[in-house]
Amino acid sequence: IPPNLSMMKQMTKLYLQDNKFTGIIPVELGQLDKLVDLSLSYNGLQGPVPAEITAVKSIELLHVHRNMLTGSVNCDRSNALE
C-alpha cells in the first residue's frame, strides 16, 4: 500500500480489499484525519494494525480481516471496528 496515500487529506473512504497487497499497513494512513471507512481485507498484509490508524477519531469502520496481521487492535470504540 503506497504510504503517499496519506497526502489525500480530504479522503473519507478507502477501499483496498482483495488486491493482493503484501507487507505492512503504512502508519502514514493515520494522517488521514477525515477517514471514515477503511477496508484492507482479503490481502496479504502482515504485522500489527498501526495505533496511528486506530487513533483517527473519524474512523467508523475498519475492515482488516483475512490478512496475516498480528497483535490486537487498540481502540476504545470497539463497536466501530471489525
N, C-alpha and C. Protein backbone atom coordinates (compact mmCIF):
# COMPACT_ATOMS: atom_id res chain seq x y z
N ILE A 1 0.87 -1.17 0.00
CA ILE A 1 0.00 0.00 0.00
C ILE A 1 0.91 1.23 0.00
N PRO A 2 0.75 2.11 -0.97
CA PRO A 2 1.63 3.28 -1.04
C PRO A 2 1.41 4.25 0.13
N PRO A 3 2.46 4.56 0.89
CA PRO A 3 2.33 5.50 2.00
C PRO A 3 1.88 6.89 1.57
N ASN A 4 2.14 7.25 0.31
CA ASN A 4 1.79 8.61 -0.13
C ASN A 4 0.28 8.80 -0.28
N LEU A 5 -0.53 7.76 -0.05
CA LEU A 5 -1.98 7.96 0.00
C LEU A 5 -2.34 8.94 1.11
N SER A 6 -1.47 9.07 2.09
CA SER A 6 -1.72 9.97 3.21
C SER A 6 -1.75 11.43 2.77
N MET A 7 -1.30 11.72 1.57
CA MET A 7 -1.33 13.09 1.06
C MET A 7 -2.73 13.50 0.63
N MET A 8 -3.64 12.56 0.53
CA MET A 8 -5.02 12.85 0.11
C MET A 8 -5.84 13.18 1.35
N LYS A 9 -5.62 14.33 1.91
CA LYS A 9 -6.14 14.72 3.22
C LYS A 9 -7.66 14.77 3.32
N GLN A 10 -8.36 14.93 2.21
CA GLN A 10 -9.82 15.02 2.24
C GLN A 10 -10.50 13.66 2.09
N MET A 11 -9.72 12.60 1.92
CA MET A 11 -10.29 11.27 1.70
C MET A 11 -11.09 10.82 2.92
N THR A 12 -12.31 10.32 2.64
CA THR A 12 -13.15 9.81 3.72
C THR A 12 -13.33 8.30 3.63
N LYS A 13 -13.17 7.72 2.45
CA LYS A 13 -13.34 6.27 2.28
C LYS A 13 -12.20 5.73 1.45
N LEU A 14 -11.63 4.63 1.92
CA LEU A 14 -10.54 3.98 1.20
C LEU A 14 -10.79 2.48 1.21
N TYR A 15 -11.11 1.96 0.04
CA TYR A 15 -11.43 0.54 -0.10
C TYR A 15 -10.33 -0.14 -0.91
N LEU A 16 -9.51 -0.91 -0.25
CA LEU A 16 -8.39 -1.60 -0.91
C LEU A 16 -8.47 -3.10 -0.69
N GLN A 17 -9.66 -3.61 -0.45
CA GLN A 17 -9.82 -5.03 -0.18
C GLN A 17 -9.60 -5.85 -1.44
N ASP A 18 -9.10 -7.08 -1.24
CA ASP A 18 -8.94 -8.08 -2.30
C ASP A 18 -8.04 -7.60 -3.44
N ASN A 19 -6.90 -7.04 -3.09
CA ASN A 19 -5.95 -6.54 -4.08
C ASN A 19 -4.59 -7.23 -4.03
N LYS A 20 -4.46 -8.23 -3.19
CA LYS A 20 -3.21 -8.98 -3.05
C LYS A 20 -2.04 -8.11 -2.56
N PHE A 21 -2.35 -7.07 -1.79
CA PHE A 21 -1.30 -6.26 -1.18
C PHE A 21 -0.55 -7.10 -0.16
N THR A 22 0.74 -6.90 -0.06
CA THR A 22 1.56 -7.57 0.95
C THR A 22 2.35 -6.52 1.71
N GLY A 23 3.00 -6.95 2.76
CA GLY A 23 3.79 -6.02 3.56
C GLY A 23 2.99 -5.53 4.75
N ILE A 24 3.41 -4.40 5.28
CA ILE A 24 2.76 -3.84 6.47
C ILE A 24 1.77 -2.75 6.08
N ILE A 25 0.89 -2.44 7.00
CA ILE A 25 -0.03 -1.31 6.81
C ILE A 25 0.76 -0.04 7.13
N PRO A 26 0.86 0.89 6.20
CA PRO A 26 1.66 2.10 6.45
C PRO A 26 1.07 2.95 7.58
N VAL A 27 1.93 3.34 8.51
CA VAL A 27 1.49 4.20 9.61
C VAL A 27 0.99 5.54 9.09
N GLU A 28 1.45 5.93 7.91
CA GLU A 28 1.07 7.21 7.32
C GLU A 28 -0.44 7.32 7.09
N LEU A 29 -1.13 6.18 6.95
CA LEU A 29 -2.58 6.23 6.77
C LEU A 29 -3.26 6.86 7.98
N GLY A 30 -2.59 6.88 9.11
CA GLY A 30 -3.11 7.54 10.30
C GLY A 30 -3.16 9.04 10.17
N GLN A 31 -2.56 9.60 9.13
CA GLN A 31 -2.62 11.05 8.89
C GLN A 31 -3.90 11.46 8.18
N LEU A 32 -4.70 10.48 7.76
CA LEU A 32 -5.96 10.77 7.08
C LEU A 32 -7.03 11.02 8.13
N ASP A 33 -7.05 12.23 8.69
CA ASP A 33 -7.91 12.51 9.83
C ASP A 33 -9.38 12.69 9.49
N LYS A 34 -9.75 12.62 8.21
CA LYS A 34 -11.15 12.66 7.81
C LYS A 34 -11.67 11.27 7.40
N LEU A 35 -10.80 10.28 7.49
CA LEU A 35 -11.14 8.93 7.06
C LEU A 35 -12.24 8.33 7.94
N VAL A 36 -13.30 7.84 7.28
CA VAL A 36 -14.43 7.23 7.99
C VAL A 36 -14.42 5.72 7.79
N ASP A 37 -14.23 5.27 6.55
CA ASP A 37 -14.22 3.84 6.22
C ASP A 37 -12.87 3.45 5.65
N LEU A 38 -12.29 2.39 6.20
CA LEU A 38 -11.03 1.85 5.69
C LEU A 38 -11.17 0.33 5.59
N SER A 39 -11.08 -0.18 4.38
CA SER A 39 -11.18 -1.62 4.17
C SER A 39 -9.90 -2.13 3.52
N LEU A 40 -9.22 -2.99 4.26
CA LEU A 40 -7.97 -3.59 3.79
C LEU A 40 -8.06 -5.12 3.79
N SER A 41 -9.25 -5.65 3.87
CA SER A 41 -9.47 -7.09 3.98
C SER A 41 -9.05 -7.84 2.73
N TYR A 42 -8.84 -9.14 2.90
CA TYR A 42 -8.53 -10.06 1.80
C TYR A 42 -7.27 -9.66 1.03
N ASN A 43 -6.22 -9.37 1.76
CA ASN A 43 -4.92 -9.09 1.18
C ASN A 43 -3.91 -10.01 1.88
N GLY A 44 -2.66 -9.72 1.75
CA GLY A 44 -1.62 -10.49 2.42
C GLY A 44 -0.84 -9.62 3.37
N LEU A 45 -1.52 -8.69 4.04
CA LEU A 45 -0.85 -7.75 4.93
C LEU A 45 -0.37 -8.46 6.19
N GLN A 46 0.76 -8.00 6.71
CA GLN A 46 1.39 -8.61 7.88
C GLN A 46 1.68 -7.56 8.93
N GLY A 47 1.97 -8.04 10.13
CA GLY A 47 2.33 -7.14 11.22
C GLY A 47 1.09 -6.61 11.92
N PRO A 48 1.28 -5.64 12.80
CA PRO A 48 0.16 -5.10 13.57
C PRO A 48 -0.61 -4.02 12.79
N VAL A 49 -1.83 -3.76 13.26
CA VAL A 49 -2.57 -2.59 12.78
C VAL A 49 -1.97 -1.39 13.52
N PRO A 50 -1.42 -0.42 12.79
CA PRO A 50 -0.77 0.71 13.47
C PRO A 50 -1.72 1.48 14.38
N ALA A 51 -1.24 1.82 15.56
CA ALA A 51 -2.02 2.61 16.52
C ALA A 51 -2.43 3.95 15.92
N GLU A 52 -1.63 4.46 14.99
CA GLU A 52 -1.94 5.74 14.35
C GLU A 52 -3.27 5.68 13.59
N ILE A 53 -3.59 4.50 13.07
CA ILE A 53 -4.85 4.34 12.33
C ILE A 53 -6.03 4.24 13.29
N THR A 54 -5.89 3.44 14.34
CA THR A 54 -7.00 3.32 15.29
C THR A 54 -7.21 4.60 16.09
N ALA A 55 -6.23 5.50 16.09
CA ALA A 55 -6.36 6.77 16.80
C ALA A 55 -7.12 7.82 15.99
N VAL A 56 -7.36 7.56 14.71
CA VAL A 56 -8.11 8.52 13.87
C VAL A 56 -9.54 8.59 14.41
N LYS A 57 -9.94 9.75 14.90
CA LYS A 57 -11.22 9.91 15.57
C LYS A 57 -12.41 9.73 14.64
N SER A 58 -12.24 9.98 13.36
CA SER A 58 -13.36 9.89 12.42
C SER A 58 -13.65 8.46 11.95
N ILE A 59 -12.74 7.50 12.21
CA ILE A 59 -12.92 6.12 11.75
C ILE A 59 -14.19 5.52 12.36
N GLU A 60 -15.05 5.02 11.49
CA GLU A 60 -16.25 4.31 11.93
C GLU A 60 -16.16 2.83 11.59
N LEU A 61 -15.57 2.51 10.44
CA LEU A 61 -15.42 1.12 10.01
C LEU A 61 -13.99 0.85 9.63
N LEU A 62 -13.44 -0.20 10.21
CA LEU A 62 -12.08 -0.63 9.89
C LEU A 62 -12.14 -2.14 9.63
N HIS A 63 -12.01 -2.50 8.37
CA HIS A 63 -12.05 -3.92 7.98
C HIS A 63 -10.64 -4.38 7.64
N VAL A 64 -10.13 -5.32 8.42
CA VAL A 64 -8.77 -5.82 8.20
C VAL A 64 -8.71 -7.34 8.22
N HIS A 65 -9.87 -7.99 8.18
CA HIS A 65 -9.89 -9.45 8.26
C HIS A 65 -9.32 -10.09 6.99
N ARG A 66 -8.97 -11.36 7.12
CA ARG A 66 -8.40 -12.17 6.05
C ARG A 66 -7.06 -11.62 5.56
N ASN A 67 -6.22 -11.26 6.53
CA ASN A 67 -4.83 -10.89 6.31
C ASN A 67 -4.00 -11.75 7.25
N MET A 68 -2.75 -11.48 7.35
CA MET A 68 -1.88 -12.20 8.27
C MET A 68 -1.37 -11.24 9.34
N LEU A 69 -2.29 -10.48 9.92
CA LEU A 69 -1.94 -9.47 10.90
C LEU A 69 -1.67 -10.11 12.25
N THR A 70 -0.88 -9.42 13.05
CA THR A 70 -0.53 -9.89 14.39
C THR A 70 -0.92 -8.85 15.41
N GLY A 71 -1.00 -9.27 16.66
CA GLY A 71 -1.31 -8.34 17.73
C GLY A 71 -2.79 -8.07 17.83
N SER A 72 -3.12 -7.06 18.58
CA SER A 72 -4.52 -6.69 18.78
C SER A 72 -4.75 -5.26 18.32
N VAL A 73 -6.02 -4.95 18.13
CA VAL A 73 -6.40 -3.59 17.73
C VAL A 73 -6.76 -2.84 19.00
N ASN A 74 -6.02 -1.79 19.27
CA ASN A 74 -6.27 -0.98 20.46
C ASN A 74 -7.23 0.15 20.11
N CYS A 75 -8.43 0.05 20.66
CA CYS A 75 -9.43 1.08 20.38
C CYS A 75 -10.48 1.05 21.47
N ASP A 76 -10.86 2.21 21.94
CA ASP A 76 -11.91 2.25 22.95
C ASP A 76 -13.29 2.36 22.33
N ARG A 77 -13.36 2.31 21.01
CA ARG A 77 -14.63 2.34 20.29
C ARG A 77 -14.84 1.00 19.60
N SER A 78 -14.81 -0.08 20.33
CA SER A 78 -14.81 -1.42 19.75
C SER A 78 -16.03 -1.72 18.89
N ASN A 79 -17.14 -1.03 19.10
CA ASN A 79 -18.30 -1.28 18.26
C ASN A 79 -18.13 -0.75 16.84
N ALA A 80 -17.14 0.09 16.61
CA ALA A 80 -16.91 0.67 15.29
C ALA A 80 -15.93 -0.14 14.47
N LEU A 81 -15.18 -1.02 15.11
CA LEU A 81 -14.12 -1.74 14.41
C LEU A 81 -14.46 -3.21 14.28
N GLU A 82 -14.02 -3.76 13.18
CA GLU A 82 -14.29 -5.17 12.88
C GLU A 82 -13.04 -5.87 12.40
